């Protein structure tokens, strides 16, 4: 069962993922911030920007085009986070995101 997490738990999850290998501490914090934004979007209806909207809508081309230099290196981590740490009904919620 997937449950709500703290930011510290999101960071701990991120630190165990191989995609972050070679990133600077600042870049890792950036990824954690983005993953935390996904978490907060799902659990607390917080705003997400264009890149994360594309991730949530499973629009790979749009996500690649909107990813910054850090996120373009770690795109698979977002899919893994959504699959493993966010309830599957996020897909229905994502359909309601504005363009």
C-alpha atoms as a PDB file:
ATOM      1  CA  UNK A   1       0.000   0.000   0.000  1.00  0.00           C
ATOM      2  CA  UNK A   2       1.357   3.378  -1.024  1.00  0.00           C
ATOM      3  CA  UNK A   3       1.165   6.007   1.671  1.00  0.00           C
ATOM      4  CA  UNK A   4       1.937   9.670   2.081  1.00  0.00           C
ATOM      5  CA  UNK A   5       5.601  10.407   2.758  1.00  0.00           C
ATOM      6  CA  UNK A   6       7.620  13.104   4.437  1.00  0.00           C
ATOM      7  CA  UNK A   7      10.151  15.087   2.432  1.00  0.00           C
ATOM      8  CA  UNK A   8      12.878  13.210   4.303  1.00  0.00           C
ATOM      9  CA  UNK A   9      11.397   9.895   3.162  1.00  0.00           C
ATOM     10  CA  UNK A  10      11.290  11.152  -0.429  1.00  0.00           C
ATOM     11  CA  UNK A  11      14.951  12.123  -0.127  1.00  0.00           C
ATOM     12  CA  UNK A  12      15.895   8.748   1.394  1.00  0.00           C
ATOM     13  CA  UNK A  13      14.069   6.971  -1.460  1.00  0.00           C
ATOM     14  CA  UNK A  14      15.872   9.155  -4.019  1.00  0.00           C
ATOM     15  CA  UNK A  15      19.296   8.497  -2.520  1.00  0.00           C
ATOM     16  CA  UNK A  16      18.905   4.751  -3.061  1.00  0.00           C
ATOM     17  CA  UNK A  17      18.119   5.091  -6.769  1.00  0.00           C
ATOM     18  CA  UNK A  18      20.917   4.496  -9.297  1.00  0.00           C
ATOM     19  CA  UNK A  19      19.821   7.356 -11.573  1.00  0.00           C
ATOM     20  CA  UNK A  20      21.342   9.927  -9.211  1.00  0.00           C
ATOM     21  CA  UNK A  21      24.831   8.459  -9.461  1.00  0.00           C
ATOM     22  CA  UNK A  22      27.263  11.156 -10.501  1.00  0.00           C
ATOM     23  CA  UNK A  23      24.981  14.070  -9.632  1.00  0.00           C
ATOM     24  CA  UNK A  24      26.215  16.834  -7.366  1.00  0.00           C
ATOM     25  CA  UNK A  25      24.544  17.321  -3.966  1.00  0.00           C
ATOM     26  CA  UNK A  26      22.808  20.406  -5.376  1.00  0.00           C
ATOM     27  CA  UNK A  27      21.501  18.444  -8.358  1.00  0.00           C
ATOM     28  CA  UNK A  28      20.237  15.690  -6.068  1.00  0.00           C
ATOM     29  CA  UNK A  29      18.378  18.297  -4.005  1.00  0.00           C
ATOM     30  CA  UNK A  30      16.833  19.601  -7.223  1.00  0.00           C
ATOM     31  CA  UNK A  31      15.560  16.114  -8.079  1.00  0.00           C
ATOM     32  CA  UNK A  32      14.251  15.650  -4.541  1.00  0.00           C
ATOM     33  CA  UNK A  33      12.447  18.989  -4.823  1.00  0.00           C
ATOM     34  CA  UNK A  34      10.790  17.854  -8.066  1.00  0.00           C
ATOM     35  CA  UNK A  35       9.789  14.485  -6.631  1.00  0.00           C
ATOM     36  CA  UNK A  36       8.463  16.236  -3.543  1.00  0.00           C
ATOM     37  CA  UNK A  37       6.412  18.474  -5.856  1.00  0.00           C
ATOM     38  CA  UNK A  38       4.851  15.362  -7.420  1.00  0.00           C
ATOM     39  CA  UNK A  39       4.077  14.029  -3.965  1.00  0.00           C
ATOM     40  CA  UNK A  40       2.524  17.312  -2.862  1.00  0.00           C
ATOM     41  CA  UNK A  41       0.541  17.585  -6.105  1.00  0.00           C
ATOM     42  CA  UNK A  42      -1.043  14.202  -5.486  1.00  0.00           C
ATOM     43  CA  UNK A  43      -1.636  14.415  -1.740  1.00  0.00           C
ATOM     44  CA  UNK A  44      -2.300  18.166  -1.330  1.00  0.00           C
ATOM     45  CA  UNK A  45      -3.291  19.482  -4.777  1.00  0.00           C
ATOM     46  CA  UNK A  46      -0.205  21.672  -5.110  1.00  0.00           C
ATOM     47  CA  UNK A  47       0.833  23.310  -8.363  1.00  0.00           C
ATOM     48  CA  UNK A  48       3.321  21.634 -10.696  1.00  0.00           C
ATOM     49  CA  UNK A  49       5.087  23.239 -13.634  1.00  0.00           C
ATOM     50  CA  UNK A  50       5.157  22.231 -17.278  1.00  0.00           C
ATOM     51  CA  UNK A  51       7.861  19.581 -16.945  1.00  0.00           C
ATOM     52  CA  UNK A  52       6.094  17.730 -14.143  1.00  0.00           C
ATOM     53  CA  UNK A  53       2.729  18.069 -15.901  1.00  0.00           C
ATOM     54  CA  UNK A  54       4.268  16.313 -18.890  1.00  0.00           C
ATOM     55  CA  UNK A  55       5.634  13.596 -16.595  1.00  0.00           C
ATOM     56  CA  UNK A  56       2.227  13.143 -14.963  1.00  0.00           C
ATOM     57  CA  UNK A  57       0.508  12.936 -18.339  1.00  0.00           C
ATOM     58  CA  UNK A  58       3.065  10.349 -19.491  1.00  0.00           C
ATOM     59  CA  UNK A  59       4.057  12.584 -22.402  1.00  0.00           C
ATOM     60  CA  UNK A  60       7.665  11.501 -22.897  1.00  0.00           C
ATOM     61  CA  UNK A  61       8.414  13.866 -25.757  1.00  0.00           C
ATOM     62  CA  UNK A  62       7.056  16.878 -23.891  1.00  0.00           C
ATOM     63  CA  UNK A  63       8.872  15.871 -20.688  1.00  0.00           C
ATOM     64  CA  UNK A  64      12.158  15.528 -22.573  1.00  0.00           C
ATOM     65  CA  UNK A  65      11.656  18.902 -24.198  1.00  0.00           C
ATOM     66  CA  UNK A  66      10.872  20.619 -20.905  1.00  0.00           C
ATOM     67  CA  UNK A  67      13.483  18.873 -18.746  1.00  0.00           C
ATOM     68  CA  UNK A  68      16.341  20.986 -17.525  1.00  0.00           C
ATOM     69  CA  UNK A  69      19.932  19.731 -17.628  1.00  0.00           C
ATOM     70  CA  UNK A  70      19.581  17.774 -14.396  1.00  0.00           C
ATOM     71  CA  UNK A  71      16.199  16.218 -15.067  1.00  0.00           C
ATOM     72  CA  UNK A  72      17.156  15.177 -18.585  1.00  0.00           C
ATOM     73  CA  UNK A  73      19.752  12.885 -16.972  1.00  0.00           C
ATOM     74  CA  UNK A  74      17.319  11.249 -14.556  1.00  0.00           C
ATOM     75  CA  UNK A  75      13.999  10.962 -16.414  1.00  0.00           C
ATOM     76  CA  UNK A  76      13.467   7.303 -15.426  1.00  0.00           C
ATOM     77  CA  UNK A  77      13.433   8.213 -11.739  1.00  0.00           C
ATOM     78  CA  UNK A  78      10.150  10.067 -12.232  1.00  0.00           C
ATOM     79  CA  UNK A  79       8.448   7.020 -13.706  1.00  0.00           C
ATOM     80  CA  UNK A  80       9.776   4.846 -10.895  1.00  0.00           C
ATOM     81  CA  UNK A  81       8.596   7.325  -8.269  1.00  0.00           C
ATOM     82  CA  UNK A  82       5.099   7.520  -9.716  1.00  0.00           C
ATOM     83  CA  UNK A  83       4.887   3.739 -10.070  1.00  0.00           C
ATOM     84  CA  UNK A  84       6.234   2.927  -6.613  1.00  0.00           C
ATOM     85  CA  UNK A  85       5.393   5.886  -4.375  1.00  0.00           C
ATOM     86  CA  UNK A  86       2.181   7.495  -5.702  1.00  0.00           C
ATOM     87  CA  UNK A  87      -1.173   5.688  -5.811  1.00  0.00           C
ATOM     88  CA  UNK A  88      -2.103   4.533  -9.308  1.00  0.00           C
ATOM     89  CA  UNK A  89      -5.205   6.694  -9.422  1.00  0.00           C
ATOM     90  CA  UNK A  90      -2.885   9.652 -10.042  1.00  0.00           C
ATOM     91  CA  UNK A  91      -3.461   8.903 -13.727  1.00  0.00           C
ATOM     92  CA  UNK A  92      -7.104   9.955 -13.472  1.00  0.00           C
ATOM     93  CA  UNK A  93      -6.139  13.071 -11.544  1.00  0.00           C
ATOM     94  CA  UNK A  94      -3.472  13.904 -14.150  1.00  0.00           C
ATOM     95  CA  UNK A  95      -6.083  13.861 -16.922  1.00  0.00           C
ATOM     96  CA  UNK A  96      -7.615  16.944 -15.319  1.00  0.00           C
ATOM     97  CA  UNK A  97      -4.433  19.029 -15.483  1.00  0.00           C
ATOM     98  CA  UNK A  98      -4.733  22.191 -17.510  1.00  0.00           C
ATOM     99  CA  UNK A  99      -2.644  22.567 -20.633  1.00  0.00           C
END
